Structures are given as C-alpha cells and as structure tokens.
Amino acid sequence: MAGCVDDFTCQKANGPLETQDRSASNFSRISHLIDGQVFIRQGASYQVQVTARESIINAISTQVVNGELRIGLDECIRGDSDIEIQITLPQLNGIELAGSGQVFGESSFTANAMDLRLSGSGSIHLDVNVQNLETNVSGSGRIFLEGNTLTQEVRVSGSGEVEAFDLQSQQAEAIVSGSGNIGVRVGQSLQALISGSGNILYKGTPSVQATISGSGRVLNAN
C-alpha cells in the first residue's frame, strides 16, 4: 500500500502483470519514492522499463527533473502491486530512496563522486568504483556496499545500518547518532564520531581518531 487515505479511495492492484517501456533520458540520479524493487545497471544508453499489475501500472510515474529520474505515484494504490523497475543509464551519481522500497545494482558503477541517501526501512545494494562517496541512512534502512572508493563519508541516524566491509577505502569519516551501526574497510585513516548506542566497526589497519558520547563503541573487526 502506498500513500493511501483509506481502502476506498485507493486503486486496488489487480490483473495480470504488465510491462511498459518508458521514455526517459539525460539523468544521472534516481529518486525512488514508492514501494517496489528497482534494478539498475550502467550501460551505453538510457532505458526505463516498468512492470506492475495491470490496474495500477499507469499510476506509476517516471519523470526526469533537473537530471534526476523520479519514480513516484500519481494516485494511491493498495494490495500486492508487484512493482519492478529496470533502469539502464550511462552515469550514476546519486540515489535517493524513501520508504520501504529496494534498489539493487546489477553492474559495477564508475563515477568521480556519488551520494546515497536512504530514509525509511528500505535497502540499497550497490557495487561502486568511485573517487568520493557519501552515504546517509536515516531510519531503519540498510545500505550494502562493495567495490572501491578513495574517500567515503558515512552517516547513520536512527537504527539503520551501512555494511561496507567489502568496499575498500583509503580514508573514511563515520558518524553514528542513535542505535545504528556502520561497518567500513579502511586502509589509511578513520575518523569516527558516535553519539548514542550505535557502533562503528572497521576492517583494515587505519589510524583511528574517535570521539564518543554515549555507550557506542569503535570496534576492530579484523
């Protein structure tokens, strides 16, 4: 169910699954604002394909605004919508996920800079090869990362989690406020800031500078 006032005012998801190819181009960012799964890959051209129940597929909007593909709903829906969106794009610089949706990377993504923002209970799974990476989780969501980055800044507020032991970085700044956890792999230097009961775990042999207020800890996970 997404954005419903009550069951009587929302479109019920029913009928067979239907697939539509959508016209969209000139975007390097994705904003996923509904319940459903998004699969993305880096490729030479832009492709957006939407699969959902027949009764609600036309309510799913895919619009490009200022270089960002925004996935949303034109009306509220209820029931098992089975929404799946396949996206191919030449360059990925950012993802915003709000709610309980999921984003899966089906290829490795190369970029100079990338930022990932998750609010709610959803999840992002991504393989990246970037110079600079910013990751922000607010709520109970989880981000899983692998690949390589030179520098990363990771923030978790609430009970969420960033699991980046498979993402090799040289320098990292990790900030936890609340009960969430961060796991990073760092080669050179780690700056850790904790306020609350959350933990920052690290692998590798970096120099560690920690500032802690609360019961949280910085833990060597090697």
Protein backbone atom coordinates (compact mmCIF):
# COMPACT_ATOMS: atom_id res chain seq x y z
CA MET A 1 0.00 0.00 0.00
CA ALA A 2 1.38 3.43 -0.88
CA GLY A 3 0.09 6.84 0.15
CA CYS A 4 -3.47 5.70 0.93
CA VAL A 5 -6.01 7.67 2.90
CA ASP A 6 -8.23 4.59 3.19
CA ASP A 7 -9.01 1.46 1.19
CA PHE A 8 -11.98 3.11 -0.54
CA THR A 9 -10.03 5.96 -2.12
CA CYS A 10 -7.06 3.88 -3.33
CA GLN A 11 -6.73 1.95 -6.58
CA LYS A 12 -6.57 -1.81 -5.94
CA ALA A 13 -3.65 -3.59 -7.58
CA ASN A 14 -5.07 -6.47 -9.59
CA GLY A 15 -4.97 -8.08 -13.00
CA PRO A 16 -2.03 -9.66 -14.81
CA LEU A 17 1.47 -8.24 -14.72
CA GLU A 18 2.13 -5.73 -17.48
CA THR A 19 5.40 -4.22 -18.72
CA GLN A 20 5.89 -0.77 -20.21
CA ASP A 21 8.95 0.86 -21.74
CA ARG A 22 9.15 4.48 -20.59
CA SER A 23 10.82 7.36 -22.40
CA ALA A 24 13.48 8.91 -20.14
CA SER A 25 16.98 10.27 -20.73
CA ASN A 26 19.57 12.77 -19.53
CA PHE A 27 19.57 11.72 -15.88
CA SER A 28 22.38 10.62 -13.57
CA ARG A 29 20.41 10.44 -10.34
CA ILE A 30 17.50 8.23 -9.25
CA SER A 31 14.84 9.10 -6.67
CA HIS A 32 12.75 6.05 -5.69
CA LEU A 33 9.78 7.15 -3.62
CA ILE A 34 7.42 4.14 -3.72
CA ASP A 35 7.21 0.54 -2.54
CA GLY A 36 8.80 -1.76 -5.11
CA GLN A 37 12.09 -3.07 -6.44
CA VAL A 38 14.43 -1.11 -8.71
CA PHE A 39 17.23 -2.82 -10.62
CA ILE A 40 19.88 -0.55 -12.15
CA ARG A 41 22.86 -1.10 -14.40
CA GLN A 42 25.46 1.10 -16.08
CA GLY A 43 25.23 0.97 -19.86
CA ALA A 44 25.73 2.99 -23.04
CA SER A 45 22.11 4.18 -23.38
CA TYR A 46 19.10 5.08 -21.25
CA GLN A 47 16.38 2.51 -20.66
CA VAL A 48 13.50 2.52 -18.18
CA GLN A 49 11.10 -0.44 -18.01
CA VAL A 50 8.21 -0.67 -15.54
CA THR A 51 6.42 -3.90 -14.57
CA ALA A 52 3.34 -3.90 -12.33
CA ARG A 53 -0.24 -5.09 -12.07
CA GLU A 54 -2.43 -4.01 -14.97
CA SER A 55 -4.76 -1.85 -12.88
CA ILE A 56 -2.04 0.34 -11.38
CA ILE A 57 0.83 0.48 -13.87
CA ASN A 58 -0.32 3.78 -15.35
CA ALA A 59 -0.32 5.32 -11.87
CA ILE A 60 3.46 4.84 -11.64
CA SER A 61 5.23 8.00 -12.77
CA THR A 62 8.77 8.15 -14.15
CA GLN A 63 9.76 11.76 -14.74
CA VAL A 64 13.15 13.40 -15.25
CA VAL A 65 13.53 16.66 -13.32
CA ASN A 66 16.87 18.51 -13.27
CA GLY A 67 18.85 15.40 -14.18
CA GLU A 68 17.04 13.15 -11.70
CA LEU A 69 14.71 10.26 -12.59
CA ARG A 70 11.86 10.46 -10.07
CA ILE A 71 9.81 7.33 -9.52
CA GLY A 72 6.51 8.06 -7.82
CA LEU A 73 2.74 7.54 -7.85
CA ASP A 74 0.06 9.72 -9.41
CA GLU A 75 -2.56 8.09 -7.16
CA CYS A 76 -2.50 5.85 -4.10
CA ILE A 77 -2.68 2.09 -4.53
CA ARG A 78 -3.45 -0.88 -2.29
CA GLY A 79 -2.76 -4.58 -2.45
CA ASP A 80 0.22 -6.54 -3.76
CA SER A 81 1.43 -4.27 -6.55
CA ASP A 82 4.49 -6.33 -7.61
CA ILE A 83 6.22 -3.19 -8.88
CA GLU A 84 9.58 -3.79 -10.57
CA ILE A 85 11.56 -1.18 -12.46
CA GLN A 86 14.60 -1.88 -14.64
CA ILE A 87 16.89 1.08 -15.33
CA THR A 88 19.97 1.42 -17.52
CA LEU A 89 21.96 4.67 -17.57
CA PRO A 90 25.46 5.75 -18.66
CA GLN A 91 26.39 7.50 -15.41
CA LEU A 92 25.10 7.17 -11.84
CA ASN A 93 25.90 9.97 -9.38
CA GLY A 94 23.25 9.51 -6.73
CA ILE A 95 20.32 7.54 -5.32
CA GLU A 96 17.58 8.71 -3.00
CA LEU A 97 15.32 6.02 -1.54
CA ALA A 98 12.39 6.88 0.71
CA GLY A 99 10.10 4.30 2.29
CA SER A 100 10.28 0.51 2.11
CA GLY A 101 11.47 0.06 -1.46
CA GLN A 102 14.65 -1.69 -2.56
CA VAL A 103 17.39 -0.77 -5.03
CA PHE A 104 19.74 -3.39 -6.48
CA GLY A 105 22.79 -2.69 -8.64
CA GLU A 106 23.20 -5.25 -11.41
CA SER A 107 26.59 -3.96 -12.52
CA SER A 108 29.51 -2.04 -11.05
CA PHE A 109 29.14 1.75 -11.24
CA THR A 110 32.09 4.03 -12.03
CA ALA A 111 31.96 7.74 -11.20
CA ASN A 112 34.03 10.56 -9.73
CA ALA A 113 31.52 11.21 -6.97
CA MET A 114 28.34 9.54 -5.72
CA ASP A 115 25.91 10.07 -2.87
CA LEU A 116 23.39 7.59 -1.48
CA ARG A 117 20.52 8.70 0.75
CA LEU A 118 18.07 6.33 2.41
CA SER A 119 15.19 7.30 4.67
CA GLY A 120 12.75 4.70 5.95
CA SER A 121 13.02 0.91 6.08
CA GLY A 122 14.22 0.15 2.56
CA SER A 123 17.60 -1.11 1.34
CA ILE A 124 20.25 -0.33 -1.27
CA HIS A 125 22.71 -2.91 -2.61
CA LEU A 126 25.50 -1.46 -4.79
CA ASP A 127 28.94 -2.20 -6.25
CA VAL A 128 30.84 1.04 -6.91
CA ASN A 129 34.19 2.28 -8.18
CA VAL A 130 34.27 5.97 -7.25
CA GLN A 131 36.66 8.63 -6.00
CA ASN A 132 34.37 10.12 -3.36
CA LEU A 133 31.31 8.51 -1.78
CA GLU A 134 28.74 9.95 0.63
CA THR A 135 26.27 7.61 2.33
CA ASN A 136 23.43 8.70 4.59
CA VAL A 137 20.87 6.48 6.34
CA SER A 138 18.06 7.87 8.48
CA GLY A 139 15.52 5.47 9.93
CA SER A 140 15.80 1.68 9.97
CA GLY A 141 17.04 1.11 6.41
CA ARG A 142 20.22 -0.66 5.34
CA ILE A 143 22.84 0.01 2.67
CA PHE A 144 25.20 -2.75 1.48
CA LEU A 145 28.30 -1.67 -0.47
CA GLU A 146 31.18 -3.32 -2.25
CA GLY A 147 33.91 -2.15 -4.62
CA ASN A 148 36.44 0.67 -4.21
CA THR A 149 36.50 4.33 -3.20
CA LEU A 150 39.27 6.72 -2.28
CA THR A 151 37.31 8.60 0.40
CA GLN A 152 33.95 7.97 1.99
CA GLU A 153 31.71 9.79 4.44
CA VAL A 154 29.11 7.60 6.15
CA ARG A 155 26.28 8.86 8.36
CA VAL A 156 23.66 6.80 10.18
CA SER A 157 20.94 8.32 12.33
CA GLY A 158 18.32 6.13 13.95
CA SER A 159 18.53 2.33 13.89
CA GLY A 160 19.77 1.93 10.33
CA GLU A 161 22.96 0.29 9.12
CA VAL A 162 25.68 0.68 6.49
CA GLU A 163 27.56 -2.55 5.77
CA ALA A 164 30.64 -1.65 3.71
CA PHE A 165 33.26 -4.21 4.72
CA ASP A 166 33.51 -5.19 1.03
CA LEU A 167 34.10 -1.58 -0.04
CA GLN A 168 37.81 -0.78 0.06
CA SER A 169 38.50 2.84 1.03
CA GLN A 170 41.63 4.75 1.96
CA GLN A 171 40.08 7.46 4.12
CA ALA A 172 36.74 7.35 5.91
CA GLU A 173 34.64 9.52 8.17
CA ALA A 174 31.92 7.57 10.00
CA ILE A 175 29.24 9.26 12.08
CA VAL A 176 26.57 7.44 14.11
CA SER A 177 23.79 9.13 16.07
CA GLY A 178 21.31 6.75 17.67
CA SER A 179 21.42 2.95 17.75
CA GLY A 180 22.55 2.29 14.19
CA ASN A 181 25.78 0.63 13.09
CA ILE A 182 28.44 1.29 10.46
CA GLY A 183 30.93 -1.24 9.12
CA VAL A 184 33.79 0.01 6.91
CA ARG A 185 37.08 -1.20 5.44
CA VAL A 186 39.76 1.50 5.56
CA GLY A 187 43.41 1.48 4.55
CA GLN A 188 44.80 4.78 5.89
CA SER A 189 42.71 6.88 8.27
CA LEU A 190 39.33 6.63 10.01
CA GLN A 191 37.58 9.44 11.83
CA ALA A 192 34.76 8.06 13.98
CA LEU A 193 32.09 10.06 15.77
CA ILE A 194 29.42 8.36 17.91
CA SER A 195 26.57 9.87 19.89
CA GLY A 196 24.25 7.23 21.32
CA SER A 197 24.43 3.44 21.48
CA GLY A 198 25.46 2.67 17.92
CA ASN A 199 28.78 1.12 16.94
CA ILE A 200 31.37 1.73 14.24
CA LEU A 201 33.25 -1.39 13.16
CA TYR A 202 36.27 -1.32 10.89
CA LYS A 203 38.49 -3.71 8.98
CA GLY A 204 41.96 -2.87 7.74
CA THR A 205 44.76 -1.11 9.63
CA PRO A 206 43.92 2.60 9.56
CA SER A 207 44.89 5.22 12.09
CA VAL A 208 41.75 5.83 14.17
CA GLN A 209 40.57 9.08 15.71
CA ALA A 210 37.40 8.53 17.77
CA THR A 211 35.02 10.89 19.55
CA ILE A 212 32.31 9.13 21.57
CA SER A 213 29.42 10.36 23.69
CA GLY A 214 27.12 7.60 24.90
CA SER A 215 27.52 3.82 25.08
CA GLY A 216 28.56 3.22 21.48
CA ARG A 217 31.98 1.83 20.60
CA VAL A 218 34.56 1.81 17.81
CA LEU A 219 35.49 -1.83 17.25
CA ASN A 220 38.30 -3.53 15.34
CA ALA A 221 36.52 -6.20 13.26
CA ASN A 222 39.61 -7.76 11.66
